[in-house]
């Protein structure tokens, strides 16, 4: 008996990693000392000495059950962008910039071609935001994961000068809530979406989705907001708070960055709701309150700005939407 008989094929995994090594190394910056193949990735950080008080910011998250749709449809090329962009956005909320990314890919059985596609996607996503894919873990664990299951998780580390941390402390009543649109579900709400569309043809073009299929709409990659935030900061605009609208929707995520005693009013009709959400709500008979609690509903990333700053930001970011304002209350109201 050997390891392959037990469900773990070392050669298959090694072959896929070797095939992806070139793309992974393309993400390396001059600061990378050791990467793929090392017991631990190494990155030189002497450039942080230019900061008065550098603060490291770290986050770990996963793609969740969106991976099951990728397996079902055979579409894996967006998964790397999902986890990298999600992770970058989480750091960005505090004002941090990413330094490096590490991945975790696991399944009961990792097919070489699937693993190669996911690793290539991770590398492309890291390259797009200018950070190295410094290392990771790839594991076959039959018995822990069910057949056909796939887990994709990422850890990101970034840095921000302490004086530049965005912590929401300057938010005041009357401040404007400016939203950057999402590309779709991003990486949240897929257990409900999969339940709603169980048995549906995922590849059939649908008029209500503008001719796109459910597979295309549901697997649209998570959007990254790094460039938009950097643009505002280069122009010297003060961003008083930011929120990445992920699991829990705007109801759960926006209050996380607001001072105690402050809430927000979000106006219906002030932003476009992607048609995929309208289809989920209609097909699943999901109450509106539940939709806003589970999904981003088109609000991908939120900026809180002073009333004087918001119009300037709106000009710089024409795809943004003023969707509400900060008020003295607790919680979020959608009116």
C-alpha atoms as a PDB file:
ATOM      1  CA  UNK A   1       0.000   0.000   0.000  1.00  0.00           C
ATOM      2  CA  UNK A   2       1.210   3.546  -0.716  1.00  0.00           C
ATOM      3  CA  UNK A   3       0.114   7.152  -0.172  1.00  0.00           C
ATOM      4  CA  UNK A   4      -1.706   7.233  -3.518  1.00  0.00           C
ATOM      5  CA  UNK A   5      -3.807   4.258  -2.414  1.00  0.00           C
ATOM      6  CA  UNK A   6      -4.859   6.341   0.594  1.00  0.00           C
ATOM      7  CA  UNK A   7      -6.022   9.175  -1.677  1.00  0.00           C
ATOM      8  CA  UNK A   8      -3.005  11.491  -1.672  1.00  0.00           C
ATOM      9  CA  UNK A   9      -0.947  11.824  -4.859  1.00  0.00           C
ATOM     10  CA  UNK A  10       2.305  13.659  -4.063  1.00  0.00           C
ATOM     11  CA  UNK A  11       3.550  13.515  -7.655  1.00  0.00           C
ATOM     12  CA  UNK A  12       0.374  15.039  -9.062  1.00  0.00           C
ATOM     13  CA  UNK A  13       0.546  17.972  -6.659  1.00  0.00           C
ATOM     14  CA  UNK A  14       4.260  18.482  -7.238  1.00  0.00           C
ATOM     15  CA  UNK A  15       3.725  18.513 -10.992  1.00  0.00           C
ATOM     16  CA  UNK A  16       1.028  21.166 -10.759  1.00  0.00           C
ATOM     17  CA  UNK A  17       3.167  23.344  -8.501  1.00  0.00           C
ATOM     18  CA  UNK A  18       6.122  23.014 -10.861  1.00  0.00           C
ATOM     19  CA  UNK A  19       3.937  24.001 -13.815  1.00  0.00           C
ATOM     20  CA  UNK A  20       2.738  27.125 -11.972  1.00  0.00           C
ATOM     21  CA  UNK A  21       6.152  28.116 -10.600  1.00  0.00           C
ATOM     22  CA  UNK A  22       6.890  30.480 -13.471  1.00  0.00           C
ATOM     23  CA  UNK A  23       3.706  32.490 -13.005  1.00  0.00           C
ATOM     24  CA  UNK A  24       4.209  32.613  -9.245  1.00  0.00           C
ATOM     25  CA  UNK A  25       7.772  33.917  -9.631  1.00  0.00           C
ATOM     26  CA  UNK A  26       6.466  36.651 -11.940  1.00  0.00           C
ATOM     27  CA  UNK A  27       4.754  38.148  -8.876  1.00  0.00           C
ATOM     28  CA  UNK A  28       8.010  38.495  -6.965  1.00  0.00           C
ATOM     29  CA  UNK A  29       9.249  41.982  -6.197  1.00  0.00           C
ATOM     30  CA  UNK A  30      12.938  42.764  -5.595  1.00  0.00           C
ATOM     31  CA  UNK A  31      12.288  42.474  -1.849  1.00  0.00           C
ATOM     32  CA  UNK A  32      11.492  38.736  -2.047  1.00  0.00           C
ATOM     33  CA  UNK A  33      14.424  36.672  -0.729  1.00  0.00           C
ATOM     34  CA  UNK A  34      12.845  33.204  -0.680  1.00  0.00           C
ATOM     35  CA  UNK A  35       9.560  32.084  -2.149  1.00  0.00           C
ATOM     36  CA  UNK A  36       8.230  28.878  -3.676  1.00  0.00           C
ATOM     37  CA  UNK A  37       9.996  25.779  -2.348  1.00  0.00           C
ATOM     38  CA  UNK A  38      11.210  27.394   0.862  1.00  0.00           C
ATOM     39  CA  UNK A  39       9.946  26.282   4.269  1.00  0.00           C
ATOM     40  CA  UNK A  40       8.943  29.903   4.821  1.00  0.00           C
ATOM     41  CA  UNK A  41       8.651  32.813   2.426  1.00  0.00           C
ATOM     42  CA  UNK A  42      11.091  35.644   3.120  1.00  0.00           C
ATOM     43  CA  UNK A  43      10.653  39.316   2.225  1.00  0.00           C
ATOM     44  CA  UNK A  44      12.976  42.196   3.028  1.00  0.00           C
ATOM     45  CA  UNK A  45      11.126  45.148   4.597  1.00  0.00           C
ATOM     46  CA  UNK A  46      13.775  47.819   5.082  1.00  0.00           C
ATOM     47  CA  UNK A  47      11.629  50.219   3.065  1.00  0.00           C
ATOM     48  CA  UNK A  48       9.374  50.453   6.104  1.00  0.00           C
ATOM     49  CA  UNK A  49      12.064  52.581   7.758  1.00  0.00           C
ATOM     50  CA  UNK A  50      10.669  55.484   5.726  1.00  0.00           C
ATOM     51  CA  UNK A  51       7.566  55.296   7.933  1.00  0.00           C
ATOM     52  CA  UNK A  52       7.584  57.022  11.303  1.00  0.00           C
ATOM     53  CA  UNK A  53       5.575  54.262  13.011  1.00  0.00           C
ATOM     54  CA  UNK A  54       4.847  51.345  10.655  1.00  0.00           C
ATOM     55  CA  UNK A  55       1.881  49.204  11.701  1.00  0.00           C
ATOM     56  CA  UNK A  56       1.427  45.724  10.231  1.00  0.00           C
ATOM     57  CA  UNK A  57      -2.160  44.790   9.317  1.00  0.00           C
ATOM     58  CA  UNK A  58      -3.083  41.140   8.683  1.00  0.00           C
ATOM     59  CA  UNK A  59      -6.211  39.360   7.514  1.00  0.00           C
ATOM     60  CA  UNK A  60      -7.295  35.810   6.668  1.00  0.00           C
ATOM     61  CA  UNK A  61     -10.409  34.937   4.704  1.00  0.00           C
ATOM     62  CA  UNK A  62     -11.833  32.383   2.309  1.00  0.00           C
ATOM     63  CA  UNK A  63     -13.804  32.199  -0.917  1.00  0.00           C
ATOM     64  CA  UNK A  64     -16.431  30.034   0.766  1.00  0.00           C
ATOM     65  CA  UNK A  65     -19.004  28.001  -1.142  1.00  0.00           C
ATOM     66  CA  UNK A  66     -18.463  29.987  -4.328  1.00  0.00           C
ATOM     67  CA  UNK A  67     -15.851  27.305  -4.987  1.00  0.00           C
ATOM     68  CA  UNK A  68     -18.643  24.713  -5.326  1.00  0.00           C
ATOM     69  CA  UNK A  69     -20.094  26.657  -8.259  1.00  0.00           C
ATOM     70  CA  UNK A  70     -16.623  26.789  -9.796  1.00  0.00           C
ATOM     71  CA  UNK A  71     -16.361  23.008  -9.471  1.00  0.00           C
ATOM     72  CA  UNK A  72     -19.881  22.502 -10.830  1.00  0.00           C
ATOM     73  CA  UNK A  73     -19.260  24.645 -13.904  1.00  0.00           C
ATOM     74  CA  UNK A  74     -15.550  23.954 -14.395  1.00  0.00           C
ATOM     75  CA  UNK A  75     -14.719  27.660 -14.177  1.00  0.00           C
ATOM     76  CA  UNK A  76     -11.764  28.355 -11.892  1.00  0.00           C
ATOM     77  CA  UNK A  77     -10.000  31.336 -13.451  1.00  0.00           C
ATOM     78  CA  UNK A  78     -11.697  33.942 -11.239  1.00  0.00           C
ATOM     79  CA  UNK A  79     -11.132  32.294  -7.856  1.00  0.00           C
ATOM     80  CA  UNK A  80      -7.664  33.747  -7.332  1.00  0.00           C
ATOM     81  CA  UNK A  81      -8.984  37.244  -7.964  1.00  0.00           C
ATOM     82  CA  UNK A  82     -11.830  36.553  -5.520  1.00  0.00           C
ATOM     83  CA  UNK A  83      -9.594  35.828  -2.550  1.00  0.00           C
ATOM     84  CA  UNK A  84      -6.775  38.282  -3.354  1.00  0.00           C
ATOM     85  CA  UNK A  85      -9.095  41.227  -4.037  1.00  0.00           C
ATOM     86  CA  UNK A  86     -11.262  40.435  -1.011  1.00  0.00           C
ATOM     87  CA  UNK A  87      -8.155  40.392   1.182  1.00  0.00           C
ATOM     88  CA  UNK A  88      -6.694  43.613  -0.244  1.00  0.00           C
ATOM     89  CA  UNK A  89     -10.011  45.389   0.356  1.00  0.00           C
ATOM     90  CA  UNK A  90     -10.074  44.270   3.990  1.00  0.00           C
ATOM     91  CA  UNK A  91      -6.641  45.806   4.612  1.00  0.00           C
ATOM     92  CA  UNK A  92      -7.585  48.927   2.715  1.00  0.00           C
ATOM     93  CA  UNK A  93     -10.358  49.711   5.211  1.00  0.00           C
ATOM     94  CA  UNK A  94      -7.682  50.605   7.787  1.00  0.00           C
ATOM     95  CA  UNK A  95      -5.668  52.569   5.241  1.00  0.00           C
ATOM     96  CA  UNK A  96      -3.072  49.810   4.798  1.00  0.00           C
ATOM     97  CA  UNK A  97      -1.311  48.749   1.603  1.00  0.00           C
ATOM     98  CA  UNK A  98      -0.577  45.065   0.971  1.00  0.00           C
ATOM     99  CA  UNK A  99       2.946  43.655   1.302  1.00  0.00           C
ATOM    100  CA  UNK A 100       2.452  39.992   0.392  1.00  0.00           C
ATOM    101  CA  UNK A 101      -0.131  37.228   0.058  1.00  0.00           C
ATOM    102  CA  UNK A 102      -0.195  33.529   1.000  1.00  0.00           C
ATOM    103  CA  UNK A 103      -2.720  30.900  -0.052  1.00  0.00           C
ATOM    104  CA  UNK A 104      -4.243  27.668   1.230  1.00  0.00           C
ATOM    105  CA  UNK A 105      -5.821  25.271  -1.271  1.00  0.00           C
ATOM    106  CA  UNK A 106      -7.357  22.010  -0.074  1.00  0.00           C
ATOM    107  CA  UNK A 107      -9.658  19.289  -1.301  1.00  0.00           C
ATOM    108  CA  UNK A 108     -10.311  15.573  -0.990  1.00  0.00           C
ATOM    109  CA  UNK A 109      -8.571  15.209  -4.351  1.00  0.00           C
ATOM    110  CA  UNK A 110      -6.700  17.976  -6.162  1.00  0.00           C
ATOM    111  CA  UNK A 111      -6.742  17.534  -9.920  1.00  0.00           C
ATOM    112  CA  UNK A 112      -3.525  18.819 -11.473  1.00  0.00           C
ATOM    113  CA  UNK A 113      -5.237  20.941 -14.121  1.00  0.00           C
ATOM    114  CA  UNK A 114      -7.603  22.514 -11.580  1.00  0.00           C
ATOM    115  CA  UNK A 115      -4.769  23.297  -9.184  1.00  0.00           C
ATOM    116  CA  UNK A 116      -2.755  24.828 -12.030  1.00  0.00           C
ATOM    117  CA  UNK A 117      -5.684  27.096 -12.992  1.00  0.00           C
ATOM    118  CA  UNK A 118      -6.198  28.273  -9.419  1.00  0.00           C
ATOM    119  CA  UNK A 119      -2.495  28.954  -8.860  1.00  0.00           C
ATOM    120  CA  UNK A 120      -2.298  30.875 -12.146  1.00  0.00           C
ATOM    121  CA  UNK A 121      -5.338  32.925 -11.106  1.00  0.00           C
ATOM    122  CA  UNK A 122      -3.781  33.698  -7.716  1.00  0.00           C
ATOM    123  CA  UNK A 123      -0.552  34.772  -9.395  1.00  0.00           C
ATOM    124  CA  UNK A 124      -2.347  37.019 -11.886  1.00  0.00           C
ATOM    125  CA  UNK A 125      -4.375  38.635  -9.102  1.00  0.00           C
ATOM    126  CA  UNK A 126      -1.278  39.278  -6.974  1.00  0.00           C
ATOM    127  CA  UNK A 127       0.585  40.693  -9.963  1.00  0.00           C
ATOM    128  CA  UNK A 128      -2.331  43.030 -10.689  1.00  0.00           C
ATOM    129  CA  UNK A 129      -2.005  44.666  -7.264  1.00  0.00           C
ATOM    130  CA  UNK A 130       1.786  44.558  -7.203  1.00  0.00           C
ATOM    131  CA  UNK A 131       2.411  42.054  -4.404  1.00  0.00           C
ATOM    132  CA  UNK A 132       4.222  38.710  -4.311  1.00  0.00           C
ATOM    133  CA  UNK A 133       2.492  35.383  -3.855  1.00  0.00           C
ATOM    134  CA  UNK A 134       5.039  34.524  -1.181  1.00  0.00           C
ATOM    135  CA  UNK A 135       3.992  30.986  -0.317  1.00  0.00           C
ATOM    136  CA  UNK A 136       1.144  28.755   0.685  1.00  0.00           C
ATOM    137  CA  UNK A 137      -0.147  25.295   1.436  1.00  0.00           C
ATOM    138  CA  UNK A 138      -1.702  22.795  -0.941  1.00  0.00           C
ATOM    139  CA  UNK A 139      -3.325  19.795   0.718  1.00  0.00           C
ATOM    140  CA  UNK A 140      -5.255  16.688  -0.271  1.00  0.00           C
ATOM    141  CA  UNK A 141      -7.271  15.492   2.724  1.00  0.00           C
ATOM    142  CA  UNK A 142      -9.726  12.726   1.845  1.00  0.00           C
ATOM    143  CA  UNK A 143     -12.171  12.276   4.700  1.00  0.00           C
ATOM    144  CA  UNK A 144     -11.831  15.877   5.863  1.00  0.00           C
ATOM    145  CA  UNK A 145     -13.229  17.319   2.628  1.00  0.00           C
ATOM    146  CA  UNK A 146     -16.050  15.710   0.678  1.00  0.00           C
ATOM    147  CA  UNK A 147     -15.507  14.580  -2.908  1.00  0.00           C
ATOM    148  CA  UNK A 148     -15.901  17.538  -5.238  1.00  0.00           C
ATOM    149  CA  UNK A 149     -15.335  20.040  -2.442  1.00  0.00           C
ATOM    150  CA  UNK A 150     -12.688  22.736  -2.696  1.00  0.00           C
ATOM    151  CA  UNK A 151     -11.396  25.175  -0.093  1.00  0.00           C
ATOM    152  CA  UNK A 152      -9.502  28.328  -1.031  1.00  0.00           C
ATOM    153  CA  UNK A 153      -8.233  30.574   1.754  1.00  0.00           C
ATOM    154  CA  UNK A 154      -5.778  33.442   1.799  1.00  0.00           C
ATOM    155  CA  UNK A 155      -3.713  35.373   4.317  1.00  0.00           C
ATOM    156  CA  UNK A 156      -2.509  38.864   3.527  1.00  0.00           C
ATOM    157  CA  UNK A 157      -0.150  41.178   5.381  1.00  0.00           C
ATOM    158  CA  UNK A 158       0.032  44.913   4.770  1.00  0.00           C
ATOM    159  CA  UNK A 159       1.367  48.043   6.391  1.00  0.00           C
ATOM    160  CA  UNK A 160       0.247  51.557   7.239  1.00  0.00           C
ATOM    161  CA  UNK A 161       1.990  54.413   9.032  1.00  0.00           C
ATOM    162  CA  UNK A 162       0.263  54.827  12.394  1.00  0.00           C
ATOM    163  CA  UNK A 163      -0.587  58.473  11.681  1.00  0.00           C
ATOM    164  CA  UNK A 164      -2.356  57.401   8.479  1.00  0.00           C
ATOM    165  CA  UNK A 165      -4.597  54.727  10.015  1.00  0.00           C
ATOM    166  CA  UNK A 166      -8.243  55.190   9.025  1.00  0.00           C
ATOM    167  CA  UNK A 167     -10.239  54.321  12.149  1.00  0.00           C
ATOM    168  CA  UNK A 168     -13.531  56.205  11.780  1.00  0.00           C
ATOM    169  CA  UNK A 169     -12.872  58.443  14.779  1.00  0.00           C
ATOM    170  CA  UNK A 170     -13.428  61.641  12.753  1.00  0.00           C
ATOM    171  CA  UNK A 171     -16.833  60.593  11.379  1.00  0.00           C
ATOM    172  CA  UNK A 172     -19.586  63.101  12.195  1.00  0.00           C
ATOM    173  CA  UNK A 173     -23.353  63.336  11.708  1.00  0.00           C
ATOM    174  CA  UNK A 174     -24.060  64.689   8.238  1.00  0.00           C
ATOM    175  CA  UNK A 175     -21.065  63.028   6.605  1.00  0.00           C
ATOM    176  CA  UNK A 176     -21.785  61.532   3.193  1.00  0.00           C
ATOM    177  CA  UNK A 177     -21.830  57.799   2.486  1.00  0.00           C
ATOM    178  CA  UNK A 178     -20.297  57.267  -0.962  1.00  0.00           C
ATOM    179  CA  UNK A 179     -20.511  53.771  -2.449  1.00  0.00           C
ATOM    180  CA  UNK A 180     -18.332  52.076  -5.038  1.00  0.00           C
ATOM    181  CA  UNK A 181     -20.306  49.441  -6.968  1.00  0.00           C
ATOM    182  CA  UNK A 182     -19.751  45.724  -6.628  1.00  0.00           C
ATOM    183  CA  UNK A 183     -19.336  43.404  -9.577  1.00  0.00           C
ATOM    184  CA  UNK A 184     -21.925  41.000  -8.184  1.00  0.00           C
ATOM    185  CA  UNK A 185     -22.059  38.720  -5.150  1.00  0.00           C
ATOM    186  CA  UNK A 186     -18.277  38.974  -4.683  1.00  0.00           C
ATOM    187  CA  UNK A 187     -17.568  36.169  -2.163  1.00  0.00           C
ATOM    188  CA  UNK A 188     -20.627  36.184   0.080  1.00  0.00           C
ATOM    189  CA  UNK A 189     -24.114  34.714   0.154  1.00  0.00           C
ATOM    190  CA  UNK A 190     -23.391  31.702  -2.028  1.00  0.00           C
ATOM    191  CA  UNK A 191     -25.008  29.135   0.240  1.00  0.00           C
ATOM    192  CA  UNK A 192     -28.315  30.973  -0.221  1.00  0.00           C
ATOM    193  CA  UNK A 193     -27.751  31.616  -3.939  1.00  0.00           C
ATOM    194  CA  UNK A 194     -26.942  27.955  -4.559  1.00  0.00           C
ATOM    195  CA  UNK A 195     -30.090  26.933  -2.677  1.00  0.00           C
ATOM    196  CA  UNK A 196     -32.220  29.309  -4.757  1.00  0.00           C
ATOM    197  CA  UNK A 197     -30.784  28.107  -8.076  1.00  0.00           C
ATOM    198  CA  UNK A 198     -30.571  24.396  -7.273  1.00  0.00           C
ATOM    199  CA  UNK A 199     -31.629  22.513 -10.397  1.00  0.00           C
ATOM    200  CA  UNK A 200     -31.427  25.552 -12.696  1.00  0.00           C
ATOM    201  CA  UNK A 201     -29.453  25.501 -15.935  1.00  0.00           C
ATOM    202  CA  UNK A 202     -26.400  27.561 -15.039  1.00  0.00           C
ATOM    203  CA  UNK A 203     -25.128  27.895 -18.614  1.00  0.00           C
ATOM    204  CA  UNK A 204     -28.309  29.112 -20.329  1.00  0.00           C
ATOM    205  CA  UNK A 205     -28.247  32.818 -21.329  1.00  0.00           C
ATOM    206  CA  UNK A 206     -30.930  34.746 -19.441  1.00  0.00           C
ATOM    207  CA  UNK A 207     -32.598  37.955 -20.655  1.00  0.00           C
ATOM    208  CA  UNK A 208     -32.968  39.250 -17.070  1.00  0.00           C
ATOM    209  CA  UNK A 209     -29.174  39.065 -16.765  1.00  0.00           C
ATOM    210  CA  UNK A 210     -28.583  40.925 -20.002  1.00  0.00           C
ATOM    211  CA  UNK A 211     -27.971  37.732 -21.921  1.00  0.00           C
ATOM    212  CA  UNK A 212     -25.430  36.401 -19.461  1.00  0.00           C
ATOM    213  CA  UNK A 213     -25.736  32.965 -17.915  1.00  0.00           C
ATOM    214  CA  UNK A 214     -26.141  32.320 -14.213  1.00  0.00           C
ATOM    215  CA  UNK A 215     -22.644  30.847 -14.175  1.00  0.00           C
ATOM    216  CA  UNK A 216     -21.183  34.070 -15.578  1.00  0.00           C
ATOM    217  CA  UNK A 217     -23.116  36.314 -13.193  1.00  0.00           C
ATOM    218  CA  UNK A 218     -22.516  34.217 -10.082  1.00  0.00           C
ATOM    219  CA  UNK A 219     -18.817  33.649 -10.738  1.00  0.00           C
ATOM    220  CA  UNK A 220     -17.981  37.256 -11.614  1.00  0.00           C
ATOM    221  CA  UNK A 221     -14.753  37.942  -9.672  1.00  0.00           C
ATOM    222  CA  UNK A 222     -14.627  40.065  -6.538  1.00  0.00           C
ATOM    223  CA  UNK A 223     -13.700  43.651  -7.349  1.00  0.00           C
ATOM    224  CA  UNK A 224     -10.632  45.393  -5.894  1.00  0.00           C
ATOM    225  CA  UNK A 225     -10.907  49.034  -4.739  1.00  0.00           C
ATOM    226  CA  UNK A 226      -7.226  49.788  -4.177  1.00  0.00           C
ATOM    227  CA  UNK A 227      -6.852  52.115  -7.194  1.00  0.00           C
ATOM    228  CA  UNK A 228      -9.908  54.207  -6.315  1.00  0.00           C
ATOM    229  CA  UNK A 229      -8.796  54.766  -2.728  1.00  0.00           C
ATOM    230  CA  UNK A 230      -5.242  55.557  -3.796  1.00  0.00           C
ATOM    231  CA  UNK A 231      -6.573  58.125  -6.269  1.00  0.00           C
ATOM    232  CA  UNK A 232      -8.506  59.994  -3.582  1.00  0.00           C
ATOM    233  CA  UNK A 233      -5.552  59.938  -1.218  1.00  0.00           C
ATOM    234  CA  UNK A 234      -3.147  61.180  -3.906  1.00  0.00           C
ATOM    235  CA  UNK A 235      -5.480  64.124  -4.397  1.00  0.00           C
ATOM    236  CA  UNK A 236      -5.250  64.869  -0.676  1.00  0.00           C
ATOM    237  CA  UNK A 237      -8.882  64.036   0.166  1.00  0.00           C
ATOM    238  CA  UNK A 238      -9.620  62.984   3.720  1.00  0.00           C
ATOM    239  CA  UNK A 239     -11.433  59.662   3.962  1.00  0.00           C
ATOM    240  CA  UNK A 240     -13.000  59.492   7.403  1.00  0.00           C
ATOM    241  CA  UNK A 241     -14.007  55.818   7.292  1.00  0.00           C
ATOM    242  CA  UNK A 242     -14.212  52.923   4.870  1.00  0.00           C
ATOM    243  CA  UNK A 243     -16.151  49.667   4.918  1.00  0.00           C
ATOM    244  CA  UNK A 244     -15.824  46.575   2.754  1.00  0.00           C
ATOM    245  CA  UNK A 245     -19.350  45.205   2.332  1.00  0.00           C
ATOM    246  CA  UNK A 246     -18.970  41.444   2.733  1.00  0.00           C
ATOM    247  CA  UNK A 247     -20.856  38.836   4.769  1.00  0.00           C
ATOM    248  CA  UNK A 248     -23.613  40.511   6.736  1.00  0.00           C
ATOM    249  CA  UNK A 249     -24.147  43.167   4.081  1.00  0.00           C
ATOM    250  CA  UNK A 250     -24.308  46.873   4.799  1.00  0.00           C
ATOM    251  CA  UNK A 251     -26.232  46.237   8.047  1.00  0.00           C
ATOM    252  CA  UNK A 252     -23.310  44.416   9.656  1.00  0.00           C
ATOM    253  CA  UNK A 253     -20.251  45.952   8.000  1.00  0.00           C
ATOM    254  CA  UNK A 254     -20.779  49.708   8.001  1.00  0.00           C
ATOM    255  CA  UNK A 255     -21.394  49.940  11.794  1.00  0.00           C
ATOM    256  CA  UNK A 256     -17.994  48.267  12.369  1.00  0.00           C
ATOM    257  CA  UNK A 257     -16.208  51.473  11.322  1.00  0.00           C
ATOM    258  CA  UNK A 258     -18.500  54.077  12.902  1.00  0.00           C
ATOM    259  CA  UNK A 259     -18.057  55.643  16.341  1.00  0.00           C
ATOM    260  CA  UNK A 260     -20.484  54.621  19.058  1.00  0.00           C
ATOM    261  CA  UNK A 261     -23.773  56.489  18.801  1.00  0.00           C
ATOM    262  CA  UNK A 262     -23.589  56.997  15.045  1.00  0.00           C
ATOM    263  CA  UNK A 263     -25.429  55.109  12.333  1.00  0.00           C
ATOM    264  CA  UNK A 264     -26.329  55.677   8.714  1.00  0.00           C
ATOM    265  CA  UNK A 265     -29.323  56.066   6.464  1.00  0.00           C
ATOM    266  CA  UNK A 266     -29.053  54.404   3.046  1.00  0.00           C
ATOM    267  CA  UNK A 267     -31.512  55.547   0.389  1.00  0.00           C
ATOM    268  CA  UNK A 268     -33.198  53.062  -1.918  1.00  0.00           C
ATOM    269  CA  UNK A 269     -32.904  54.017  -5.562  1.00  0.00           C
ATOM    270  CA  UNK A 270     -29.667  55.965  -5.056  1.00  0.00           C
ATOM    271  CA  UNK A 271     -27.536  53.155  -6.495  1.00  0.00           C
ATOM    272  CA  UNK A 272     -28.062  50.452  -9.129  1.00  0.00           C
ATOM    273  CA  UNK A 273     -28.792  46.942  -7.857  1.00  0.00           C
ATOM    274  CA  UNK A 274     -27.206  44.346 -10.164  1.00  0.00           C
ATOM    275  CA  UNK A 275     -29.864  42.159 -11.795  1.00  0.00           C
ATOM    276  CA  UNK A 276     -28.464  38.981 -10.235  1.00  0.00           C
ATOM    277  CA  UNK A 277     -29.726  40.153  -6.833  1.00  0.00           C
ATOM    278  CA  UNK A 278     -33.189  40.909  -8.179  1.00  0.00           C
ATOM    279  CA  UNK A 279     -33.303  37.421  -9.695  1.00  0.00           C
ATOM    280  CA  UNK A 280     -32.234  35.792  -6.421  1.00  0.00           C
ATOM    281  CA  UNK A 281     -34.865  37.732  -4.490  1.00  0.00           C
ATOM    282  CA  UNK A 282     -37.636  36.910  -6.943  1.00  0.00           C
ATOM    283  CA  UNK A 283     -36.760  33.259  -7.540  1.00  0.00           C
ATOM    284  CA  UNK A 284     -36.183  32.515  -3.882  1.00  0.00           C
ATOM    285  CA  UNK A 285     -38.921  34.784  -2.501  1.00  0.00           C
ATOM    286  CA  UNK A 286     -36.271  36.251  -0.198  1.00  0.00           C
ATOM    287  CA  UNK A 287     -37.460  39.204   1.947  1.00  0.00           C
ATOM    288  CA  UNK A 288     -35.759  42.505   1.190  1.00  0.00           C
ATOM    289  CA  UNK A 289     -34.387  42.805   4.734  1.00  0.00           C
ATOM    290  CA  UNK A 290     -32.746  39.406   4.351  1.00  0.00           C
ATOM    291  CA  UNK A 291     -31.265  40.373   0.986  1.00  0.00           C
ATOM    292  CA  UNK A 292     -29.528  43.390   2.540  1.00  0.00           C
ATOM    293  CA  UNK A 293     -28.374  41.271   5.484  1.00  0.00           C
ATOM    294  CA  UNK A 294     -26.807  38.561   3.297  1.00  0.00           C
ATOM    295  CA  UNK A 295     -25.624  40.286   0.112  1.00  0.00           C
ATOM    296  CA  UNK A 296     -23.829  43.519  -0.768  1.00  0.00           C
ATOM    297  CA  UNK A 297     -26.771  44.462  -3.084  1.00  0.00           C
ATOM    298  CA  UNK A 298     -24.393  46.402  -5.345  1.00  0.00           C
ATOM    299  CA  UNK A 299     -22.641  48.297  -2.537  1.00  0.00           C
ATOM    300  CA  UNK A 300     -19.158  46.842  -2.837  1.00  0.00           C
ATOM    301  CA  UNK A 301     -17.143  49.347  -0.826  1.00  0.00           C
ATOM    302  CA  UNK A 302     -18.185  52.393   1.175  1.00  0.00           C
ATOM    303  CA  UNK A 303     -16.351  55.655   1.808  1.00  0.00           C
ATOM    304  CA  UNK A 304     -17.445  58.111   4.483  1.00  0.00           C
ATOM    305  CA  UNK A 305     -16.525  61.683   3.547  1.00  0.00           C
ATOM    306  CA  UNK A 306     -17.281  65.187   4.745  1.00  0.00           C
ATOM    307  CA  UNK A 307     -20.029  67.065   2.847  1.00  0.00           C
ATOM    308  CA  UNK A 308     -17.329  69.314   1.330  1.00  0.00           C
ATOM    309  CA  UNK A 309     -15.124  66.439   0.199  1.00  0.00           C
ATOM    310  CA  UNK A 310     -17.815  64.142  -1.217  1.00  0.00           C
ATOM    311  CA  UNK A 311     -18.551  66.181  -4.411  1.00  0.00           C
ATOM    312  CA  UNK A 312     -14.840  66.258  -5.268  1.00  0.00           C
ATOM    313  CA  UNK A 313     -14.563  62.502  -4.739  1.00  0.00           C
ATOM    314  CA  UNK A 314     -17.638  62.006  -6.896  1.00  0.00           C
ATOM    315  CA  UNK A 315     -15.951  63.886  -9.747  1.00  0.00           C
ATOM    316  CA  UNK A 316     -12.786  61.821  -9.412  1.00  0.00           C
ATOM    317  CA  UNK A 317     -14.770  58.581  -9.218  1.00  0.00           C
ATOM    318  CA  UNK A 318     -17.681  58.971 -11.652  1.00  0.00           C
ATOM    319  CA  UNK A 319     -18.814  55.379 -11.008  1.00  0.00           C
ATOM    320  CA  UNK A 320     -19.404  56.123  -7.331  1.00  0.00           C
ATOM    321  CA  UNK A 321     -22.808  56.882  -5.820  1.00  0.00           C
ATOM    322  CA  UNK A 322     -23.800  59.100  -2.862  1.00  0.00           C
ATOM    323  CA  UNK A 323     -26.162  56.643  -1.180  1.00  0.00           C
ATOM    324  CA  UNK A 324     -26.846  58.188   2.210  1.00  0.00           C
ATOM    325  CA  UNK A 325     -25.494  60.039   5.199  1.00  0.00           C
ATOM    326  CA  UNK A 326     -24.316  59.541   8.767  1.00  0.00           C
ATOM    327  CA  UNK A 327     -26.781  60.300  11.532  1.00  0.00           C
ATOM    328  CA  UNK A 328     -27.018  60.154  15.308  1.00  0.00           C
ATOM    329  CA  UNK A 329     -28.512  56.722  15.904  1.00  0.00           C
ATOM    330  CA  UNK A 330     -27.481  53.129  16.165  1.00  0.00           C
ATOM    331  CA  UNK A 331     -27.444  50.767  13.217  1.00  0.00           C
ATOM    332  CA  UNK A 332     -28.226  51.161   9.550  1.00  0.00           C
ATOM    333  CA  UNK A 333     -31.575  52.103   8.020  1.00  0.00           C
ATOM    334  CA  UNK A 334     -32.470  51.489   4.379  1.00  0.00           C
ATOM    335  CA  UNK A 335     -35.255  53.924   3.485  1.00  0.00           C
END
